[in-house]
N, C-alpha and C. Protein backbone atom coordinates (compact mmCIF):
# COMPACT_ATOMS: atom_id res chain seq x y z
N MET A 1 -30.34 -12.97 18.96
CA MET A 1 -30.59 -11.58 18.48
C MET A 1 -29.50 -11.36 17.41
N ASN A 2 -29.94 -10.66 16.21
CA ASN A 2 -28.93 -10.37 15.18
C ASN A 2 -28.48 -9.01 15.28
N ASP A 3 -27.22 -8.77 15.59
CA ASP A 3 -26.76 -7.59 15.63
C ASP A 3 -25.99 -7.10 14.40
N ALA A 4 -26.34 -7.62 13.19
CA ALA A 4 -25.69 -7.31 11.77
C ALA A 4 -25.73 -5.75 11.55
N TYR A 5 -26.65 -5.03 12.05
CA TYR A 5 -27.12 -3.61 11.72
C TYR A 5 -25.94 -2.99 12.43
N LEU A 6 -25.40 -3.39 13.62
CA LEU A 6 -24.50 -2.65 14.36
C LEU A 6 -23.09 -2.60 13.64
N TYR A 7 -22.68 -3.59 12.53
CA TYR A 7 -21.37 -3.58 12.09
C TYR A 7 -21.05 -2.17 11.34
N PRO A 8 -22.12 -1.57 10.53
CA PRO A 8 -21.76 -0.50 9.90
C PRO A 8 -21.65 0.82 10.88
N ILE A 9 -22.41 0.74 12.07
CA ILE A 9 -22.33 1.70 12.79
C ILE A 9 -20.94 1.84 13.65
N VAL A 10 -20.65 0.53 14.12
CA VAL A 10 -19.14 0.35 14.80
C VAL A 10 -18.00 0.66 13.82
N GLY A 11 -18.30 0.33 12.43
CA GLY A 11 -17.27 0.60 11.35
C GLY A 11 -17.13 2.03 11.35
N LEU A 12 -17.97 2.94 11.83
CA LEU A 12 -17.84 4.29 11.81
C LEU A 12 -16.75 4.92 12.68
N LEU A 13 -16.59 4.05 13.87
CA LEU A 13 -15.76 4.64 15.01
C LEU A 13 -14.25 4.61 14.55
N PRO A 14 -13.56 3.67 14.02
CA PRO A 14 -12.30 3.58 13.63
C PRO A 14 -12.15 4.72 12.23
N LEU A 15 -13.19 4.90 11.46
CA LEU A 15 -13.15 5.69 10.26
C LEU A 15 -13.18 7.28 10.98
N THR A 16 -13.97 7.49 11.63
CA THR A 16 -14.23 8.77 12.45
C THR A 16 -12.88 9.20 13.03
N ALA A 17 -12.28 8.34 13.98
CA ALA A 17 -11.09 8.47 14.66
C ALA A 17 -9.87 8.58 13.64
N LEU A 18 -9.80 8.02 12.69
CA LEU A 18 -8.89 8.45 11.88
C LEU A 18 -9.00 9.75 10.97
N MET A 19 -10.20 9.96 10.66
CA MET A 19 -10.36 11.44 10.19
C MET A 19 -10.18 12.59 11.32
N LEU A 20 -10.32 12.25 12.51
CA LEU A 20 -10.06 13.23 13.66
C LEU A 20 -8.73 13.28 13.77
N VAL A 21 -7.80 12.16 13.63
CA VAL A 21 -6.45 12.32 13.77
C VAL A 21 -5.68 13.12 12.56
N ARG A 22 -6.40 12.79 11.63
CA ARG A 22 -5.61 13.51 10.25
C ARG A 22 -6.29 15.13 10.00
N SER A 23 -7.19 15.59 10.84
CA SER A 23 -7.68 16.87 10.53
C SER A 23 -6.67 17.84 10.78
N GLN A 24 -6.58 18.81 9.75
CA GLN A 24 -5.68 19.92 9.90
C GLN A 24 -6.41 21.11 10.64
N ASN A 25 -7.66 21.32 10.42
CA ASN A 25 -8.51 22.52 10.90
C ASN A 25 -9.14 21.96 12.30
N PRO A 26 -8.88 22.84 13.35
CA PRO A 26 -9.18 22.61 14.69
C PRO A 26 -10.74 22.65 14.85
N TYR A 27 -11.53 23.38 14.16
CA TYR A 27 -12.81 23.23 14.16
C TYR A 27 -13.34 22.09 13.66
N HIS A 28 -13.02 21.61 12.49
CA HIS A 28 -13.48 20.38 11.88
C HIS A 28 -13.03 19.06 13.01
N ALA A 29 -12.02 19.28 13.45
CA ALA A 29 -11.64 18.33 14.55
C ALA A 29 -12.73 18.21 15.67
N LEU A 30 -13.07 19.44 16.09
CA LEU A 30 -14.18 19.43 17.05
C LEU A 30 -15.52 18.76 16.75
N ILE A 31 -15.86 19.00 15.57
CA ILE A 31 -17.09 18.32 14.89
C ILE A 31 -16.93 16.79 14.68
N LEU A 32 -15.86 16.36 14.29
CA LEU A 32 -15.47 15.14 14.30
C LEU A 32 -15.40 14.39 15.65
N ARG A 33 -14.89 14.82 16.63
CA ARG A 33 -14.97 14.41 18.12
C ARG A 33 -16.37 14.28 18.30
N GLY A 34 -17.41 15.43 18.18
CA GLY A 34 -18.66 15.14 18.28
C GLY A 34 -19.25 13.94 17.82
N ILE A 35 -19.04 13.86 16.44
CA ILE A 35 -19.42 12.52 15.72
C ILE A 35 -19.11 11.25 16.58
N LEU A 36 -17.77 11.18 16.60
CA LEU A 36 -17.32 10.06 17.31
C LEU A 36 -17.99 9.70 18.64
N GLY A 37 -18.18 10.79 19.48
CA GLY A 37 -18.87 10.57 20.70
C GLY A 37 -20.25 10.14 20.46
N SER A 38 -20.76 10.61 19.70
CA SER A 38 -22.27 10.36 19.34
C SER A 38 -22.42 8.95 18.90
N VAL A 39 -21.53 8.55 18.10
CA VAL A 39 -21.52 7.16 17.55
C VAL A 39 -21.34 6.05 18.62
N ALA A 40 -20.23 6.45 19.51
CA ALA A 40 -19.90 5.59 20.54
C ALA A 40 -21.16 5.42 21.45
N ALA A 41 -21.88 6.57 21.75
CA ALA A 41 -23.11 6.47 22.69
C ALA A 41 -24.18 5.80 21.92
N LEU A 42 -24.29 5.78 20.58
CA LEU A 42 -25.32 4.97 19.82
C LEU A 42 -24.89 3.52 19.98
N VAL A 43 -23.71 3.30 19.89
CA VAL A 43 -23.20 1.77 19.96
C VAL A 43 -23.57 1.28 21.56
N TYR A 44 -23.21 2.03 22.52
CA TYR A 44 -23.58 1.56 23.80
C TYR A 44 -24.94 1.37 24.02
N ALA A 45 -25.72 2.31 23.56
CA ALA A 45 -27.05 2.29 23.80
C ALA A 45 -27.84 0.97 22.99
N ALA A 46 -27.21 0.67 21.88
CA ALA A 46 -27.77 -0.43 21.04
C ALA A 46 -27.35 -1.78 21.67
N LEU A 47 -26.39 -1.82 22.56
CA LEU A 47 -25.75 -3.09 23.15
C LEU A 47 -26.52 -3.04 24.46
N GLY A 48 -27.30 -2.20 24.70
CA GLY A 48 -27.92 -2.28 26.32
C GLY A 48 -27.09 -1.62 27.22
N ALA A 49 -26.27 -0.90 26.85
CA ALA A 49 -25.63 -0.07 28.07
C ALA A 49 -26.11 1.40 28.26
N ALA A 50 -27.25 1.39 28.67
CA ALA A 50 -28.00 2.89 28.44
C ALA A 50 -27.19 3.70 29.67
N ASP A 51 -26.59 3.56 30.59
CA ASP A 51 -25.84 4.31 31.60
C ASP A 51 -24.66 4.70 31.11
N VAL A 52 -23.95 3.74 30.19
CA VAL A 52 -22.61 4.28 29.55
C VAL A 52 -22.80 5.15 28.71
N ALA A 53 -24.00 4.79 27.60
CA ALA A 53 -24.34 5.70 26.50
C ALA A 53 -24.74 7.19 27.04
N LEU A 54 -25.46 7.14 28.14
CA LEU A 54 -25.70 8.54 28.64
C LEU A 54 -24.36 9.21 29.13
N THR A 55 -23.50 8.59 29.73
CA THR A 55 -22.41 9.30 30.29
C THR A 55 -21.52 9.71 29.10
N GLU A 56 -21.42 8.77 28.11
CA GLU A 56 -20.67 9.20 27.07
C GLU A 56 -21.18 10.33 26.14
N ALA A 57 -22.68 10.33 26.13
CA ALA A 57 -23.28 11.43 25.23
C ALA A 57 -23.14 12.85 26.36
N LEU A 58 -23.21 12.80 27.46
CA LEU A 58 -22.93 13.96 28.38
C LEU A 58 -21.67 14.52 28.56
N VAL A 59 -20.86 13.63 28.95
CA VAL A 59 -19.54 13.94 29.40
C VAL A 59 -18.48 13.96 28.11
N GLY A 60 -18.49 12.84 27.56
CA GLY A 60 -17.56 12.50 26.41
C GLY A 60 -17.87 13.31 25.13
N THR A 61 -19.15 13.68 24.99
CA THR A 61 -19.36 14.45 23.90
C THR A 61 -19.80 16.01 24.19
N MET A 62 -20.74 16.14 24.86
CA MET A 62 -21.30 17.67 24.98
C MET A 62 -20.21 18.47 25.80
N LEU A 63 -19.76 17.93 27.18
CA LEU A 63 -19.01 18.60 27.87
C LEU A 63 -17.52 18.97 27.19
N ALA A 64 -17.02 17.56 26.65
CA ALA A 64 -15.68 17.70 26.09
C ALA A 64 -15.61 18.80 24.88
N ILE A 65 -16.77 18.76 24.10
CA ILE A 65 -16.79 19.62 22.90
C ILE A 65 -16.94 20.99 23.30
N THR A 66 -17.69 21.33 24.37
CA THR A 66 -17.80 22.55 24.89
C THR A 66 -16.47 23.19 25.38
N LEU A 67 -15.69 22.38 26.08
CA LEU A 67 -14.41 22.92 26.47
C LEU A 67 -13.53 22.84 25.72
N TYR A 68 -13.38 21.99 24.57
CA TYR A 68 -12.49 21.98 23.49
C TYR A 68 -12.63 23.40 22.65
N ALA A 69 -14.01 23.47 22.62
CA ALA A 69 -14.51 24.84 21.62
C ALA A 69 -13.62 26.13 22.27
N VAL A 70 -14.13 26.31 23.74
CA VAL A 70 -13.62 27.45 24.41
C VAL A 70 -12.00 27.45 24.36
N ALA A 71 -11.36 26.20 24.31
CA ALA A 71 -9.72 26.35 24.39
C ALA A 71 -9.32 26.70 22.86
N VAL A 72 -9.92 26.09 22.03
CA VAL A 72 -9.57 26.49 20.54
C VAL A 72 -9.86 27.92 20.23
N ARG A 73 -10.98 28.54 20.56
CA ARG A 73 -11.22 29.68 20.28
C ARG A 73 -10.40 30.62 20.93
N SER A 74 -9.85 30.66 22.22
CA SER A 74 -9.23 31.45 22.91
C SER A 74 -7.59 31.15 22.55
N SER A 75 -7.19 30.03 21.88
CA SER A 75 -5.79 30.05 21.93
C SER A 75 -5.47 30.53 20.42
N LEU A 76 -6.39 30.51 19.38
CA LEU A 76 -6.27 30.87 18.12
C LEU A 76 -6.36 32.49 17.90
N VAL A 77 -5.81 33.23 18.74
CA VAL A 77 -5.87 34.58 18.55
C VAL A 77 -4.27 35.27 18.43
N LEU A 78 -4.11 35.97 17.30
CA LEU A 78 -2.98 36.77 17.06
C LEU A 78 -3.26 38.30 17.79
N ARG A 79 -2.81 38.66 18.95
CA ARG A 79 -2.91 40.06 19.27
C ARG A 79 -1.85 41.00 18.53
N LEU A 80 -2.34 41.92 18.00
CA LEU A 80 -1.63 42.71 17.25
C LEU A 80 -1.64 44.27 17.85
N GLY A 81 -0.62 44.88 18.49
CA GLY A 81 -0.74 45.89 19.19
C GLY A 81 -0.11 47.09 18.30
N VAL A 82 -1.20 48.42 18.31
CA VAL A 82 -1.13 49.45 17.53
C VAL A 82 -1.13 50.83 18.55
N GLN A 83 -0.60 51.82 18.05
CA GLN A 83 -0.82 53.02 18.87
C GLN A 83 -2.26 53.58 18.62
N ALA A 84 -3.12 53.78 19.60
CA ALA A 84 -4.57 54.36 19.26
C ALA A 84 -4.60 55.37 18.30
N SER A 85 -3.77 56.42 18.48
CA SER A 85 -3.82 57.76 17.52
C SER A 85 -3.49 57.30 15.98
N ALA A 86 -2.97 56.04 15.89
CA ALA A 86 -2.69 55.70 14.44
C ALA A 86 -3.81 55.23 13.77
N VAL A 87 -4.63 54.48 14.46
CA VAL A 87 -5.88 53.87 13.82
C VAL A 87 -7.29 54.37 14.09
N LYS A 88 -7.27 55.46 14.90
CA LYS A 88 -8.68 56.01 15.26
C LYS A 88 -8.67 57.67 14.72
N GLY A 89 -9.83 57.97 14.48
CA GLY A 89 -10.11 59.30 13.99
C GLY A 89 -9.85 59.55 12.59
N GLU A 90 -10.02 60.92 12.44
CA GLU A 90 -10.03 61.41 11.04
C GLU A 90 -8.37 61.32 10.40
N SER A 91 -7.59 61.25 11.29
CA SER A 91 -6.11 61.11 10.82
C SER A 91 -5.65 59.70 10.60
N CYS A 92 -6.54 58.58 10.51
CA CYS A 92 -6.11 57.29 10.15
C CYS A 92 -5.79 57.24 8.99
N ASP A 93 -4.58 56.59 8.56
CA ASP A 93 -4.00 56.51 7.22
C ASP A 93 -4.76 55.21 6.52
N PRO A 94 -5.30 55.44 5.29
CA PRO A 94 -5.82 54.19 4.53
C PRO A 94 -5.03 52.97 4.51
N GLN A 95 -3.62 53.01 4.66
CA GLN A 95 -2.88 51.95 4.70
C GLN A 95 -3.09 50.90 5.57
N TRP A 96 -3.60 51.50 6.72
CA TRP A 96 -3.75 50.53 7.92
C TRP A 96 -5.00 49.53 7.30
N GLY A 97 -5.91 50.10 6.62
CA GLY A 97 -6.88 48.97 6.32
C GLY A 97 -6.41 48.08 5.33
N LYS A 98 -5.51 48.36 4.39
CA LYS A 98 -4.84 47.41 3.58
C LYS A 98 -4.00 46.35 4.33
N LEU A 99 -3.25 47.13 5.18
CA LEU A 99 -2.28 46.06 6.20
C LEU A 99 -3.26 45.16 7.02
N TRP A 100 -4.24 45.48 7.43
CA TRP A 100 -5.29 44.70 8.26
C TRP A 100 -5.76 43.63 7.38
N THR A 101 -6.14 43.87 6.05
CA THR A 101 -6.66 42.87 5.12
C THR A 101 -5.58 42.05 4.61
N GLN A 102 -4.35 42.47 4.36
CA GLN A 102 -3.14 41.64 4.07
C GLN A 102 -2.94 40.67 5.27
N LEU A 103 -2.97 41.29 6.37
CA LEU A 103 -2.58 40.13 7.56
C LEU A 103 -3.76 39.21 7.71
N ASN A 104 -4.89 39.63 7.74
CA ASN A 104 -6.20 38.56 7.91
C ASN A 104 -5.89 37.59 6.72
N ASN A 105 -5.72 37.97 5.51
CA ASN A 105 -5.59 37.01 4.41
C ASN A 105 -4.35 36.02 4.65
N LEU A 106 -3.34 36.67 5.26
CA LEU A 106 -2.09 35.70 5.62
C LEU A 106 -2.63 34.61 6.67
N PHE A 107 -3.17 35.14 7.70
CA PHE A 107 -3.40 34.26 8.89
C PHE A 107 -4.57 33.30 8.86
N THR A 108 -5.56 33.71 7.89
CA THR A 108 -6.62 32.95 7.92
C THR A 108 -6.45 31.35 7.51
N PRO A 109 -5.71 31.11 6.54
CA PRO A 109 -5.35 29.54 6.52
C PRO A 109 -4.72 28.95 7.41
N TYR A 110 -4.23 29.61 8.48
CA TYR A 110 -3.65 28.95 9.88
C TYR A 110 -4.65 29.10 10.86
N HIS A 111 -5.94 29.55 10.63
CA HIS A 111 -6.95 29.42 11.45
C HIS A 111 -6.79 30.51 12.65
N LEU A 112 -5.93 31.61 12.40
CA LEU A 112 -5.70 32.36 13.53
C LEU A 112 -6.49 33.69 13.20
N ARG A 113 -7.15 34.24 14.33
CA ARG A 113 -8.05 35.32 14.39
C ARG A 113 -7.20 36.55 14.69
N LEU A 114 -7.13 37.56 14.05
CA LEU A 114 -6.45 38.80 14.23
C LEU A 114 -7.31 39.76 15.24
N GLU A 115 -6.63 40.04 16.26
CA GLU A 115 -7.29 40.99 17.29
C GLU A 115 -6.46 42.06 17.48
N LEU A 116 -6.95 43.35 17.25
CA LEU A 116 -6.34 44.56 17.39
C LEU A 116 -6.30 45.29 18.90
N VAL A 117 -5.23 45.31 19.47
CA VAL A 117 -5.05 46.04 20.72
C VAL A 117 -4.45 47.50 20.62
N THR A 118 -5.07 48.30 20.98
CA THR A 118 -4.52 49.81 20.92
C THR A 118 -3.95 49.99 22.27
N TYR A 119 -2.86 50.99 22.25
CA TYR A 119 -2.22 51.43 23.34
C TYR A 119 -1.88 52.89 23.25
N SER A 120 -1.85 53.72 24.26
CA SER A 120 -1.68 55.18 24.02
C SER A 120 -0.55 55.65 23.44
N GLY A 121 0.57 55.07 23.80
CA GLY A 121 2.00 55.59 23.26
C GLY A 121 2.88 54.26 22.80
N SER A 122 3.88 54.73 22.27
CA SER A 122 4.79 53.90 21.77
C SER A 122 5.69 53.15 22.87
N GLU A 123 5.90 53.86 23.82
CA GLU A 123 6.70 53.23 25.05
C GLU A 123 5.82 51.97 25.58
N GLU A 124 4.35 52.28 25.79
CA GLU A 124 3.59 51.61 26.39
C GLU A 124 3.41 50.30 25.35
N LEU A 125 3.40 50.60 24.09
CA LEU A 125 3.26 49.40 23.08
C LEU A 125 4.56 48.56 23.42
N HIS A 126 5.58 49.07 23.21
CA HIS A 126 6.77 48.18 23.21
C HIS A 126 6.78 47.52 24.83
N GLN A 127 6.45 48.05 25.73
CA GLN A 127 6.45 47.42 26.84
C GLN A 127 5.35 46.39 26.95
N ALA A 128 4.34 46.42 26.34
CA ALA A 128 3.21 45.25 26.30
C ALA A 128 4.05 44.10 25.41
N LEU A 129 4.64 44.52 24.50
CA LEU A 129 5.36 43.39 23.59
C LEU A 129 6.28 42.38 24.58
N LEU A 130 6.90 43.28 25.44
CA LEU A 130 7.96 42.62 26.39
C LEU A 130 7.43 41.85 27.48
N ASN A 131 6.03 42.38 27.94
CA ASN A 131 5.43 41.60 28.70
C ASN A 131 4.61 40.63 28.37
N LYS A 132 4.71 40.22 27.16
CA LYS A 132 3.91 39.17 26.30
C LYS A 132 2.60 39.39 26.51
N GLU A 133 1.96 40.68 26.46
CA GLU A 133 0.65 40.83 26.43
C GLU A 133 -0.01 40.73 24.98
N ILE A 134 0.81 41.00 24.07
CA ILE A 134 0.76 40.79 22.61
C ILE A 134 1.73 40.11 21.93
N HIS A 135 1.38 39.64 20.62
CA HIS A 135 2.33 38.91 19.91
C HIS A 135 3.05 39.78 18.92
N ALA A 136 2.48 40.95 18.54
CA ALA A 136 3.40 41.74 17.49
C ALA A 136 2.77 43.06 17.56
N ILE A 137 3.74 43.96 17.19
CA ILE A 137 3.05 45.64 17.18
C ILE A 137 3.56 45.89 15.77
N ALA A 138 2.66 46.71 15.37
CA ALA A 138 2.75 47.41 13.94
C ALA A 138 2.74 49.03 14.20
N GLU A 139 3.81 49.41 13.71
CA GLU A 139 3.95 51.00 13.65
C GLU A 139 4.20 51.58 12.32
N THR A 140 3.79 52.89 12.05
CA THR A 140 4.11 53.42 10.89
C THR A 140 5.63 53.88 10.98
N VAL A 141 6.12 54.13 9.73
CA VAL A 141 7.51 54.46 9.57
C VAL A 141 7.86 55.57 10.43
N ASN A 142 7.09 56.53 10.45
CA ASN A 142 7.27 57.94 11.19
C ASN A 142 7.32 57.69 12.69
N SER A 143 7.06 56.67 13.25
CA SER A 143 7.04 56.29 14.69
C SER A 143 8.52 56.52 15.11
N PRO A 144 8.84 56.57 16.26
CA PRO A 144 10.38 56.60 16.63
C PRO A 144 10.78 55.10 16.90
N VAL A 145 11.33 54.75 15.52
CA VAL A 145 11.79 53.15 15.42
C VAL A 145 13.26 53.44 14.82
N ASP A 146 14.33 52.62 15.39
CA ASP A 146 15.73 52.71 14.81
C ASP A 146 15.96 51.86 13.65
N ILE A 147 14.89 51.69 12.83
CA ILE A 147 15.05 51.03 11.69
C ILE A 147 15.22 51.69 10.36
N GLU A 148 16.05 51.02 9.47
CA GLU A 148 16.04 51.77 8.09
C GLU A 148 15.12 50.91 7.28
N THR A 149 14.09 51.81 6.78
CA THR A 149 13.05 51.07 6.01
C THR A 149 13.06 51.72 4.61
N GLU A 150 12.88 50.70 3.57
CA GLU A 150 13.08 51.12 2.30
C GLU A 150 11.82 52.07 1.80
N ASP A 151 10.81 51.25 1.21
CA ASP A 151 9.55 51.96 0.88
C ASP A 151 8.32 51.49 1.78
N ALA A 152 8.68 50.63 2.64
CA ALA A 152 7.61 50.08 3.69
C ALA A 152 7.09 51.11 4.42
N PRO A 153 5.58 51.19 4.44
CA PRO A 153 4.90 52.14 5.35
C PRO A 153 4.86 51.63 6.74
N PHE A 154 5.08 50.42 7.04
CA PHE A 154 4.88 50.06 8.45
C PHE A 154 6.12 49.02 8.82
N VAL A 155 6.55 49.33 10.26
CA VAL A 155 7.32 48.47 10.97
C VAL A 155 6.63 47.60 11.87
N MET A 156 6.76 46.19 11.58
CA MET A 156 6.07 45.13 12.35
C MET A 156 7.23 44.37 13.17
N THR A 157 7.04 44.56 14.52
CA THR A 157 7.88 43.75 15.46
C THR A 157 7.15 42.92 16.17
N THR A 158 7.61 41.53 16.14
CA THR A 158 6.99 40.49 16.65
C THR A 158 8.12 39.76 17.66
N ARG A 159 7.35 39.11 18.54
CA ARG A 159 8.24 38.25 19.75
C ARG A 159 8.16 36.75 19.32
N THR A 160 7.37 36.67 18.31
CA THR A 160 7.38 35.00 18.02
C THR A 160 7.97 34.79 16.75
N ARG A 161 9.02 33.79 16.79
CA ARG A 161 9.46 33.39 15.58
C ARG A 161 8.65 32.81 14.66
N ARG A 162 7.90 32.06 14.84
CA ARG A 162 6.87 31.36 13.86
C ARG A 162 6.16 32.45 13.03
N LEU A 163 5.67 33.58 13.75
CA LEU A 163 5.08 34.69 13.02
C LEU A 163 5.78 35.43 12.08
N TYR A 164 7.08 35.54 12.62
CA TYR A 164 8.35 36.10 11.57
C TYR A 164 8.47 35.44 10.48
N GLU A 165 8.62 34.17 10.61
CA GLU A 165 8.85 33.14 9.55
C GLU A 165 7.70 33.07 8.40
N LEU A 166 6.48 33.12 9.12
CA LEU A 166 5.34 33.02 8.18
C LEU A 166 5.26 34.49 7.38
N MET A 167 5.35 35.60 7.85
CA MET A 167 5.24 36.89 7.29
C MET A 167 6.38 37.08 6.13
N GLN A 168 7.70 36.50 6.61
CA GLN A 168 8.69 36.54 5.58
C GLN A 168 8.38 35.69 4.33
N LYS A 169 7.85 34.40 4.61
CA LYS A 169 7.38 33.48 3.54
C LYS A 169 6.50 33.86 2.63
N GLU A 170 5.56 34.86 3.07
CA GLU A 170 4.47 35.43 2.41
C GLU A 170 4.84 36.58 1.54
N GLN A 171 6.14 37.03 1.96
CA GLN A 171 6.69 38.30 1.34
C GLN A 171 5.92 39.49 1.61
N LEU A 172 5.53 39.84 2.74
CA LEU A 172 4.87 40.96 3.09
C LEU A 172 5.92 42.02 3.01
N THR A 173 6.91 42.08 2.75
CA THR A 173 8.03 43.27 2.89
C THR A 173 7.72 44.22 2.11
N SER A 174 6.82 44.15 1.13
CA SER A 174 6.63 45.43 0.28
C SER A 174 5.82 46.48 1.33
N GLN A 175 5.18 45.97 2.01
CA GLN A 175 4.23 46.68 2.86
C GLN A 175 4.87 46.79 4.28
N ILE A 176 5.60 46.05 4.90
CA ILE A 176 6.06 45.87 6.20
C ILE A 176 7.53 45.62 6.18
N HIS A 177 7.99 46.29 7.08
CA HIS A 177 9.50 45.75 7.49
C HIS A 177 9.43 45.05 8.65
N LEU A 178 9.88 43.90 8.53
CA LEU A 178 9.88 42.80 9.74
C LEU A 178 10.89 43.15 10.75
N VAL A 179 10.76 42.81 11.94
CA VAL A 179 11.84 43.06 13.00
C VAL A 179 11.44 41.80 14.05
N ILE A 180 12.43 41.24 14.55
CA ILE A 180 12.26 40.46 15.69
C ILE A 180 13.41 40.87 16.75
N PRO A 181 13.02 41.32 17.91
CA PRO A 181 14.00 41.58 18.74
C PRO A 181 15.06 40.59 19.15
N GLU A 182 16.23 40.91 19.40
CA GLU A 182 17.21 39.81 19.55
C GLU A 182 16.95 38.94 20.69
N GLU A 183 16.34 39.44 21.85
CA GLU A 183 15.94 38.60 23.11
C GLU A 183 14.95 37.62 22.87
N TYR A 184 14.03 37.69 21.57
CA TYR A 184 13.33 36.69 21.10
C TYR A 184 13.62 35.83 19.93
N GLY A 185 14.69 36.42 19.09
CA GLY A 185 15.15 35.74 18.00
C GLY A 185 15.69 34.47 18.12
N ASN A 186 16.53 34.00 19.13
CA ASN A 186 17.16 32.86 19.15
C ASN A 186 16.47 31.91 20.41
N GLN A 187 15.06 32.07 20.46
CA GLN A 187 14.61 31.04 21.58
C GLN A 187 13.95 29.82 20.74
N GLY A 188 14.36 29.57 19.47
CA GLY A 188 13.65 28.37 18.87
C GLY A 188 12.17 28.38 18.89
N GLY A 189 11.68 27.37 19.27
CA GLY A 189 10.25 27.03 19.43
C GLY A 189 9.72 27.52 20.69
N LYS A 190 10.20 28.17 21.71
CA LYS A 190 9.64 28.46 22.85
C LYS A 190 9.18 29.87 22.84
N HIS A 191 7.75 29.93 22.83
CA HIS A 191 7.26 31.41 22.67
C HIS A 191 6.15 31.46 23.50
């Protein structure tokens, strides 16, 4: 039997694996993982190992991709806490829309999805940050915060050093005064 037709298909395995390892986007990595499992199942089936091919297709491809997709989707969320009175109703400042757009533009290249979590008061908001329910909080300058702000209409406090560094790097300081509490500031990479 001439198996020459299998060589190009088998050649896809290391190529796809290399692309998978080098992938920056987690969603592209999921797709590549699916392709890798499908090609492996095809090779197993072509070589006569139908039981191994079926197992690879069901467990190695479908189940693994589903579980990875759920994990990626849930882990790439940045939870931003705000006071409900600041962003709802007729008294909502149009600056909040600009802030939301600016933050979405900042975090989209990092594949982070911004989720707004509302709290009834400032004390509840700060407690949620300390309890690690949210990653950052945004407040208007007229909120009771002990920070001297220049012209920035918002004070944004984060417990995550990496978020702080990203926002500083992108120079959002014209709209946001960034704060990282001291209890979170010296933790290095542990968040």
